[in-house]
Amino acid sequence: MTFYSPSEGRMSLERVFKSIVGYVDSDHEAEYRLIIGTDSHSRDGVTFVTAIIIHRVGKGARYYYRKKRHRAMDSLRQRIYYETSMSLGVGSELAEMLAKNGQIDVNMEIHLDVGTRGETRELIREVMGMVMGSGFRAKIKPDSYGASKVADKHTK
């Protein structure tokens, strides 16, 4: 998995993890949220962007993202499920790395690109169930800025 950091360039997931740990280690007093969100954009296929955000609450954030092209998908439900599974995959890998590093108490959230308005409202229970069943906290619009703002910024 290759990610990109606006400040550090191309990075493997392992380097992203080390960068996150370094950021957290630079201020142990702060509160942190580790956020993973995926968004997609259809045009000549589908571009999926998964973002990892380490948010130092009240003091800024850093983010990393990866892009993945996919053939066209027939339904919105299929795209939203795929977005959710991509976020869960990255979240699971990071959770495993954190556990091996002895940092089990990190506040991790999966941000979903669904909300109570629009076509995706019918999918909220399903994808929230996927996320919570995997042991993560789920956020939807308007609180899911990891997907709807950060990842969305890089889909086009």
N, C-alpha and C. Protein backbone atom coordinates (compact mmCIF):
# COMPACT_ATOMS: atom_id res chain seq x y z
N MET A 1 0.83 -1.19 0.00
CA MET A 1 0.00 0.00 0.00
C MET A 1 0.88 1.25 0.00
N THR A 2 0.69 2.08 -1.00
CA THR A 2 1.44 3.32 -1.06
C THR A 2 0.52 4.49 -0.76
N PHE A 3 0.93 5.29 0.19
CA PHE A 3 0.19 6.49 0.58
C PHE A 3 0.99 7.71 0.18
N TYR A 4 0.33 8.84 0.24
CA TYR A 4 0.98 10.10 -0.08
C TYR A 4 0.71 11.08 1.07
N SER A 5 1.72 11.78 1.48
CA SER A 5 1.59 12.82 2.49
C SER A 5 1.90 14.15 1.82
N PRO A 6 1.06 15.17 1.99
CA PRO A 6 1.36 16.47 1.39
C PRO A 6 2.71 17.04 1.85
N SER A 7 3.15 16.68 3.05
CA SER A 7 4.42 17.22 3.56
C SER A 7 5.60 16.25 3.44
N GLU A 8 5.33 14.95 3.33
CA GLU A 8 6.41 13.96 3.31
C GLU A 8 6.51 13.15 2.02
N GLY A 9 5.58 13.33 1.09
CA GLY A 9 5.64 12.60 -0.17
C GLY A 9 5.11 11.18 -0.09
N ARG A 10 5.61 10.32 -0.99
CA ARG A 10 5.17 8.91 -1.06
C ARG A 10 5.67 8.15 0.16
N MET A 11 4.77 7.30 0.70
CA MET A 11 5.10 6.54 1.91
C MET A 11 4.41 5.19 1.89
N SER A 12 5.07 4.20 2.46
CA SER A 12 4.41 2.92 2.71
C SER A 12 3.53 3.08 3.94
N LEU A 13 2.65 2.12 4.17
CA LEU A 13 1.82 2.18 5.38
C LEU A 13 2.69 2.13 6.63
N GLU A 14 3.79 1.40 6.58
CA GLU A 14 4.70 1.33 7.72
C GLU A 14 5.30 2.71 8.03
N ARG A 15 5.69 3.43 6.98
CA ARG A 15 6.22 4.80 7.18
C ARG A 15 5.15 5.75 7.68
N VAL A 16 3.92 5.58 7.20
CA VAL A 16 2.80 6.38 7.70
C VAL A 16 2.65 6.14 9.19
N PHE A 17 2.69 4.87 9.58
CA PHE A 17 2.56 4.51 10.99
C PHE A 17 3.67 5.17 11.82
N LYS A 18 4.90 5.09 11.35
CA LYS A 18 6.02 5.70 12.08
C LYS A 18 5.87 7.21 12.17
N SER A 19 5.37 7.83 11.11
CA SER A 19 5.13 9.27 11.12
C SER A 19 4.05 9.63 12.15
N ILE A 20 3.00 8.83 12.21
CA ILE A 20 1.93 9.05 13.19
C ILE A 20 2.46 8.91 14.61
N VAL A 21 3.22 7.86 14.85
CA VAL A 21 3.80 7.64 16.18
C VAL A 21 4.72 8.81 16.56
N GLY A 22 5.52 9.27 15.62
CA GLY A 22 6.40 10.42 15.89
C GLY A 22 5.61 11.67 16.21
N TYR A 23 4.51 11.87 15.51
CA TYR A 23 3.65 13.04 15.75
C TYR A 23 3.03 12.97 17.15
N VAL A 24 2.56 11.80 17.52
CA VAL A 24 1.97 11.61 18.86
C VAL A 24 3.04 11.75 19.94
N ASP A 25 4.21 11.19 19.70
CA ASP A 25 5.30 11.26 20.68
C ASP A 25 5.81 12.68 20.90
N SER A 26 5.57 13.57 19.94
CA SER A 26 6.06 14.94 20.08
C SER A 26 5.23 15.78 21.05
N ASP A 27 4.06 15.28 21.44
CA ASP A 27 3.22 15.97 22.43
C ASP A 27 2.33 14.95 23.13
N HIS A 28 2.86 14.37 24.20
CA HIS A 28 2.13 13.33 24.93
C HIS A 28 0.93 13.88 25.70
N GLU A 29 0.91 15.17 25.95
CA GLU A 29 -0.17 15.76 26.73
C GLU A 29 -1.46 15.95 25.92
N ALA A 30 -1.34 16.00 24.62
CA ALA A 30 -2.50 16.27 23.76
C ALA A 30 -3.41 15.06 23.64
N GLU A 31 -4.65 15.32 23.24
CA GLU A 31 -5.62 14.26 22.94
C GLU A 31 -5.57 14.03 21.43
N TYR A 32 -5.63 12.78 21.01
CA TYR A 32 -5.53 12.44 19.60
C TYR A 32 -6.72 11.61 19.15
N ARG A 33 -7.07 11.78 17.87
CA ARG A 33 -8.04 10.93 17.20
C ARG A 33 -7.39 10.43 15.92
N LEU A 34 -7.43 9.14 15.70
CA LEU A 34 -6.95 8.55 14.46
C LEU A 34 -8.18 8.25 13.61
N ILE A 35 -8.25 8.88 12.46
CA ILE A 35 -9.45 8.83 11.63
C ILE A 35 -9.10 8.21 10.28
N ILE A 36 -9.96 7.30 9.83
CA ILE A 36 -9.81 6.72 8.50
C ILE A 36 -11.13 6.94 7.77
N GLY A 37 -11.05 7.46 6.56
CA GLY A 37 -12.25 7.68 5.76
C GLY A 37 -11.94 7.48 4.28
N THR A 38 -12.94 6.99 3.56
CA THR A 38 -12.79 6.77 2.12
C THR A 38 -13.93 7.43 1.39
N ASP A 39 -13.61 8.05 0.26
CA ASP A 39 -14.62 8.63 -0.62
C ASP A 39 -14.31 8.19 -2.05
N SER A 40 -15.29 8.33 -2.93
CA SER A 40 -15.08 7.92 -4.32
C SER A 40 -15.72 8.91 -5.27
N HIS A 41 -15.26 8.84 -6.51
CA HIS A 41 -15.78 9.71 -7.57
C HIS A 41 -15.85 8.89 -8.84
N SER A 42 -17.03 8.88 -9.48
CA SER A 42 -17.21 8.12 -10.72
C SER A 42 -16.94 9.00 -11.93
N ARG A 43 -16.06 8.53 -12.77
CA ARG A 43 -15.78 9.16 -14.05
C ARG A 43 -14.78 8.27 -14.77
N ASP A 44 -15.23 7.66 -15.84
CA ASP A 44 -14.40 6.68 -16.55
C ASP A 44 -13.86 5.64 -15.58
N GLY A 45 -14.73 5.04 -14.84
CA GLY A 45 -14.37 4.15 -13.75
C GLY A 45 -14.59 4.87 -12.44
N VAL A 46 -14.08 4.34 -11.38
CA VAL A 46 -14.26 4.95 -10.06
C VAL A 46 -12.89 5.17 -9.43
N THR A 47 -12.67 6.37 -8.90
CA THR A 47 -11.47 6.66 -8.13
C THR A 47 -11.83 6.64 -6.66
N PHE A 48 -11.16 5.79 -5.90
CA PHE A 48 -11.36 5.70 -4.46
C PHE A 48 -10.16 6.34 -3.78
N VAL A 49 -10.41 7.14 -2.76
CA VAL A 49 -9.34 7.74 -1.97
C VAL A 49 -9.60 7.41 -0.50
N THR A 50 -8.61 6.80 0.12
CA THR A 50 -8.67 6.51 1.55
C THR A 50 -7.70 7.44 2.26
N ALA A 51 -8.22 8.16 3.25
CA ALA A 51 -7.41 9.11 4.01
C ALA A 51 -7.21 8.61 5.44
N ILE A 52 -6.01 8.83 5.94
CA ILE A 52 -5.68 8.57 7.35
C ILE A 52 -5.35 9.93 7.94
N ILE A 53 -6.07 10.31 8.99
CA ILE A 53 -5.85 11.61 9.62
C ILE A 53 -5.49 11.38 11.08
N ILE A 54 -4.40 11.98 11.53
CA ILE A 54 -4.09 11.98 12.95
C ILE A 54 -4.39 13.40 13.43
N HIS A 55 -5.44 13.51 14.22
CA HIS A 55 -5.93 14.81 14.67
C HIS A 55 -5.49 15.06 16.10
N ARG A 56 -4.68 16.06 16.28
CA ARG A 56 -4.29 16.51 17.62
C ARG A 56 -5.37 17.51 18.00
N VAL A 57 -6.32 17.07 18.80
CA VAL A 57 -7.54 17.83 19.08
C VAL A 57 -7.21 19.24 19.57
N GLY A 58 -7.74 20.22 18.85
CA GLY A 58 -7.53 21.62 19.18
C GLY A 58 -6.19 22.18 18.74
N LYS A 59 -5.34 21.33 18.12
CA LYS A 59 -4.00 21.77 17.76
C LYS A 59 -3.57 21.34 16.36
N GLY A 60 -4.52 21.02 15.49
CA GLY A 60 -4.16 20.68 14.12
C GLY A 60 -4.17 19.19 13.83
N ALA A 61 -3.66 18.84 12.65
CA ALA A 61 -3.69 17.45 12.21
C ALA A 61 -2.68 17.24 11.09
N ARG A 62 -2.42 15.98 10.81
CA ARG A 62 -1.66 15.56 9.65
C ARG A 62 -2.50 14.52 8.93
N TYR A 63 -2.33 14.43 7.61
CA TYR A 63 -3.07 13.39 6.91
C TYR A 63 -2.24 12.76 5.81
N TYR A 64 -2.68 11.58 5.43
CA TYR A 64 -2.03 10.75 4.41
C TYR A 64 -3.16 10.14 3.59
N TYR A 65 -2.93 9.92 2.31
CA TYR A 65 -3.99 9.33 1.51
C TYR A 65 -3.43 8.43 0.42
N ARG A 66 -4.29 7.56 -0.07
CA ARG A 66 -3.93 6.72 -1.22
C ARG A 66 -5.10 6.72 -2.19
N LYS A 67 -4.77 6.65 -3.47
CA LYS A 67 -5.77 6.59 -4.52
C LYS A 67 -5.77 5.22 -5.15
N LYS A 68 -6.96 4.76 -5.51
CA LYS A 68 -7.08 3.47 -6.17
C LYS A 68 -8.15 3.60 -7.26
N ARG A 69 -7.80 3.22 -8.47
CA ARG A 69 -8.76 3.22 -9.58
C ARG A 69 -9.44 1.86 -9.66
N HIS A 70 -10.69 1.89 -10.03
CA HIS A 70 -11.48 0.66 -10.11
C HIS A 70 -12.41 0.79 -11.31
N ARG A 71 -12.78 -0.33 -11.86
CA ARG A 71 -13.75 -0.30 -12.97
C ARG A 71 -15.06 0.32 -12.48
N ALA A 72 -15.89 0.73 -13.41
CA ALA A 72 -17.18 1.33 -13.06
C ALA A 72 -18.00 0.38 -12.20
N MET A 73 -18.74 0.92 -11.26
CA MET A 73 -19.61 0.12 -10.41
C MET A 73 -21.05 0.46 -10.73
N ASP A 74 -21.88 -0.56 -10.71
CA ASP A 74 -23.26 -0.41 -11.14
C ASP A 74 -24.15 0.32 -10.15
N SER A 75 -23.84 0.22 -8.88
CA SER A 75 -24.77 0.81 -7.91
C SER A 75 -24.04 1.62 -6.83
N LEU A 76 -24.78 2.58 -6.30
CA LEU A 76 -24.27 3.38 -5.19
C LEU A 76 -24.00 2.50 -3.98
N ARG A 77 -24.88 1.55 -3.72
CA ARG A 77 -24.71 0.62 -2.58
C ARG A 77 -23.36 -0.10 -2.69
N GLN A 78 -23.04 -0.58 -3.87
CA GLN A 78 -21.77 -1.28 -4.08
C GLN A 78 -20.59 -0.36 -3.79
N ARG A 79 -20.66 0.89 -4.26
CA ARG A 79 -19.57 1.86 -4.02
C ARG A 79 -19.42 2.15 -2.53
N ILE A 80 -20.52 2.38 -1.83
CA ILE A 80 -20.46 2.70 -0.40
C ILE A 80 -19.92 1.51 0.38
N TYR A 81 -20.34 0.31 0.04
CA TYR A 81 -19.79 -0.88 0.71
C TYR A 81 -18.29 -1.00 0.46
N TYR A 82 -17.87 -0.74 -0.77
CA TYR A 82 -16.45 -0.83 -1.10
C TYR A 82 -15.66 0.24 -0.36
N GLU A 83 -16.18 1.46 -0.29
CA GLU A 83 -15.54 2.53 0.49
C GLU A 83 -15.37 2.09 1.94
N THR A 84 -16.44 1.54 2.51
CA THR A 84 -16.41 1.11 3.92
C THR A 84 -15.38 0.00 4.12
N SER A 85 -15.36 -0.96 3.20
CA SER A 85 -14.41 -2.07 3.37
C SER A 85 -12.96 -1.60 3.21
N MET A 86 -12.73 -0.61 2.34
CA MET A 86 -11.37 -0.07 2.21
C MET A 86 -10.93 0.61 3.51
N SER A 87 -11.82 1.40 4.11
CA SER A 87 -11.50 2.05 5.39
C SER A 87 -11.26 1.02 6.48
N LEU A 88 -12.09 -0.01 6.53
CA LEU A 88 -11.93 -1.05 7.54
C LEU A 88 -10.61 -1.80 7.36
N GLY A 89 -10.22 -2.04 6.12
CA GLY A 89 -8.95 -2.73 5.87
C GLY A 89 -7.77 -1.93 6.39
N VAL A 90 -7.74 -0.64 6.08
CA VAL A 90 -6.64 0.22 6.57
C VAL A 90 -6.72 0.35 8.08
N GLY A 91 -7.93 0.53 8.61
CA GLY A 91 -8.10 0.64 10.06
C GLY A 91 -7.63 -0.60 10.80
N SER A 92 -7.92 -1.76 10.26
CA SER A 92 -7.49 -3.02 10.87
C SER A 92 -5.98 -3.15 10.88
N GLU A 93 -5.35 -2.79 9.76
CA GLU A 93 -3.88 -2.87 9.70
C GLU A 93 -3.24 -1.91 10.69
N LEU A 94 -3.76 -0.68 10.77
CA LEU A 94 -3.22 0.29 11.73
C LEU A 94 -3.46 -0.16 13.17
N ALA A 95 -4.63 -0.71 13.44
CA ALA A 95 -4.93 -1.20 14.80
C ALA A 95 -3.96 -2.31 15.20
N GLU A 96 -3.64 -3.18 14.26
CA GLU A 96 -2.68 -4.25 14.53
C GLU A 96 -1.29 -3.67 14.81
N MET A 97 -0.87 -2.69 14.02
CA MET A 97 0.43 -2.05 14.24
C MET A 97 0.47 -1.34 15.59
N LEU A 98 -0.62 -0.66 15.93
CA LEU A 98 -0.69 0.03 17.22
C LEU A 98 -0.61 -0.96 18.38
N ALA A 99 -1.31 -2.07 18.27
CA ALA A 99 -1.28 -3.08 19.32
C ALA A 99 0.12 -3.66 19.50
N LYS A 100 0.80 -3.94 18.39
CA LYS A 100 2.17 -4.46 18.46
C LYS A 100 3.12 -3.44 19.07
N ASN A 101 2.79 -2.16 18.92
CA ASN A 101 3.63 -1.08 19.43
C ASN A 101 3.23 -0.69 20.87
N GLY A 102 2.23 -1.39 21.42
CA GLY A 102 1.80 -1.12 22.79
C GLY A 102 0.91 0.10 22.94
N GLN A 103 0.34 0.58 21.84
CA GLN A 103 -0.52 1.77 21.88
C GLN A 103 -1.96 1.37 21.58
N ILE A 104 -2.55 0.66 22.50
CA ILE A 104 -3.89 0.12 22.29
C ILE A 104 -4.97 1.17 22.56
N ASP A 105 -4.66 2.19 23.32
CA ASP A 105 -5.68 3.15 23.76
C ASP A 105 -5.90 4.32 22.79
N VAL A 106 -5.50 4.21 21.53
CA VAL A 106 -5.70 5.28 20.57
C VAL A 106 -7.18 5.32 20.16
N ASN A 107 -7.73 6.50 20.12
CA ASN A 107 -9.11 6.73 19.76
C ASN A 107 -9.24 6.69 18.24
N MET A 108 -9.71 5.57 17.68
CA MET A 108 -9.79 5.41 16.23
C MET A 108 -11.24 5.48 15.77
N GLU A 109 -11.46 6.22 14.67
CA GLU A 109 -12.80 6.38 14.11
C GLU A 109 -12.76 6.07 12.62
N ILE A 110 -13.83 5.47 12.12
CA ILE A 110 -14.02 5.27 10.69
C ILE A 110 -15.09 6.28 10.26
N HIS A 111 -14.73 7.15 9.33
CA HIS A 111 -15.65 8.16 8.83
C HIS A 111 -16.28 7.66 7.53
N LEU A 112 -17.60 7.62 7.52
CA LEU A 112 -18.36 7.08 6.39
C LEU A 112 -18.97 8.20 5.56
N ASP A 113 -18.97 8.02 4.26
CA ASP A 113 -19.51 9.03 3.36
C ASP A 113 -21.00 8.79 3.12
N VAL A 114 -21.75 8.68 4.21
CA VAL A 114 -23.21 8.53 4.17
C VAL A 114 -23.81 9.54 5.14
N GLY A 115 -25.06 9.90 4.88
CA GLY A 115 -25.71 10.87 5.75
C GLY A 115 -27.22 10.72 5.71
N THR A 116 -27.89 11.47 6.55
CA THR A 116 -29.34 11.38 6.67
C THR A 116 -30.07 12.06 5.52
N ARG A 117 -29.36 12.78 4.68
CA ARG A 117 -29.95 13.41 3.50
C ARG A 117 -29.39 12.74 2.26
N GLY A 118 -30.19 12.63 1.26
CA GLY A 118 -29.71 12.06 0.00
C GLY A 118 -29.89 10.56 -0.08
N GLU A 119 -29.35 10.01 -1.16
CA GLU A 119 -29.54 8.59 -1.48
C GLU A 119 -28.90 7.64 -0.46
N THR A 120 -27.87 8.08 0.23
CA THR A 120 -27.14 7.17 1.11
C THR A 120 -27.83 6.93 2.45
N ARG A 121 -28.89 7.66 2.76
CA ARG A 121 -29.54 7.52 4.07
C ARG A 121 -30.03 6.09 4.32
N GLU A 122 -30.39 5.37 3.25
CA GLU A 122 -30.87 4.00 3.39
C GLU A 122 -29.76 3.02 3.74
N LEU A 123 -28.51 3.45 3.61
CA LEU A 123 -27.37 2.56 3.85
C LEU A 123 -26.73 2.76 5.22
N ILE A 124 -27.17 3.76 5.96
CA ILE A 124 -26.52 4.12 7.22
C ILE A 124 -26.44 2.94 8.18
N ARG A 125 -27.55 2.30 8.46
CA ARG A 125 -27.55 1.18 9.44
C ARG A 125 -26.62 0.06 9.00
N GLU A 126 -26.63 -0.24 7.71
CA GLU A 126 -25.82 -1.35 7.20
C GLU A 126 -24.33 -1.09 7.37
N VAL A 127 -23.86 0.08 6.90
CA VAL A 127 -22.42 0.33 6.96
C VAL A 127 -21.96 0.65 8.38
N MET A 128 -22.82 1.29 9.18
CA MET A 128 -22.45 1.51 10.58
C MET A 128 -22.33 0.16 11.30
N GLY A 129 -23.20 -0.78 10.96
CA GLY A 129 -23.11 -2.12 11.54
C GLY A 129 -21.82 -2.82 11.15
N MET A 130 -21.39 -2.64 9.89
CA MET A 130 -20.12 -3.23 9.45
C MET A 130 -18.97 -2.68 10.29
N VAL A 131 -18.96 -1.36 10.50
CA VAL A 131 -17.86 -0.71 11.21
C VAL A 131 -17.88 -1.09 12.68
N MET A 132 -19.02 -0.95 13.33
CA MET A 132 -19.09 -1.25 14.76
C MET A 132 -18.87 -2.73 15.03
N GLY A 133 -19.33 -3.59 14.11
CA GLY A 133 -19.09 -5.03 14.23
C GLY A 133 -17.62 -5.38 14.11
N SER A 134 -16.84 -4.50 13.51
CA SER A 134 -15.40 -4.70 13.38
C SER A 134 -14.64 -4.09 14.56
N GLY A 135 -15.36 -3.46 15.49
CA GLY A 135 -14.73 -2.94 16.69
C GLY A 135 -14.30 -1.48 16.63
N PHE A 136 -14.77 -0.74 15.62
CA PHE A 136 -14.39 0.66 15.48
C PHE A 136 -15.59 1.57 15.73
N ARG A 137 -15.30 2.83 16.02
CA ARG A 137 -16.34 3.84 16.13
C ARG A 137 -16.64 4.35 14.74
N ALA A 138 -17.92 4.62 14.46
CA ALA A 138 -18.33 5.09 13.14
C ALA A 138 -18.91 6.49 13.24
N LYS A 139 -18.59 7.32 12.26
CA LYS A 139 -19.14 8.67 12.16
C LYS A 139 -19.75 8.83 10.77
N ILE A 140 -20.91 9.52 10.71
CA ILE A 140 -21.55 9.81 9.44
C ILE A 140 -21.62 11.32 9.25
N LYS A 141 -22.03 11.76 8.05
CA LYS A 141 -22.16 13.18 7.77
C LYS A 141 -23.16 13.81 8.73
N PRO A 142 -22.93 14.97 9.24
CA PRO A 142 -21.89 15.93 8.87
C PRO A 142 -20.60 15.77 9.68
N ASP A 143 -20.49 14.74 10.52
CA ASP A 143 -19.32 14.57 11.38
C ASP A 143 -18.22 13.71 10.75
N SER A 144 -18.42 13.27 9.54
CA SER A 144 -17.45 12.35 8.91
C SER A 144 -16.52 13.08 7.94
N TYR A 145 -15.87 14.11 8.45
CA TYR A 145 -15.01 14.94 7.59
C TYR A 145 -13.82 14.19 7.02
N GLY A 146 -13.42 13.09 7.62
CA GLY A 146 -12.31 12.30 7.08
C GLY A 146 -12.63 11.79 5.69
N ALA A 147 -13.90 11.42 5.46
CA ALA A 147 -14.33 10.96 4.14
C ALA A 147 -14.86 12.10 3.30
N SER A 148 -15.77 12.90 3.87
CA SER A 148 -16.49 13.89 3.07
C SER A 148 -15.68 15.15 2.76
N LYS A 149 -14.59 15.39 3.46
CA LYS A 149 -13.75 16.56 3.18
C LYS A 149 -12.34 16.17 2.75
N VAL A 150 -11.62 15.44 3.61
CA VAL A 150 -10.20 15.14 3.32
C VAL A 150 -10.07 14.18 2.14
N ALA A 151 -10.72 13.02 2.20
CA ALA A 151 -10.62 12.07 1.08
C ALA A 151 -11.25 12.66 -0.18
N ASP A 152 -12.39 13.30 -0.04
CA ASP A 152 -13.09 13.89 -1.18
C ASP A 152 -12.20 14.88 -1.95
N LYS A 153 -11.39 15.60 -1.24
CA LYS A 153 -10.50 16.61 -1.84
C LYS A 153 -9.60 15.99 -2.91
N HIS A 154 -9.26 14.72 -2.76
CA HIS A 154 -8.30 14.07 -3.66
C HIS A 154 -8.94 13.08 -4.65
N THR A 155 -10.28 13.03 -4.71
CA THR A 155 -10.92 12.08 -5.62
C THR A 155 -10.96 12.56 -7.05
N LYS A 156 -10.89 13.83 -7.29
CA LYS A 156 -11.05 14.37 -8.65
C LYS A 156 -9.74 14.52 -9.39
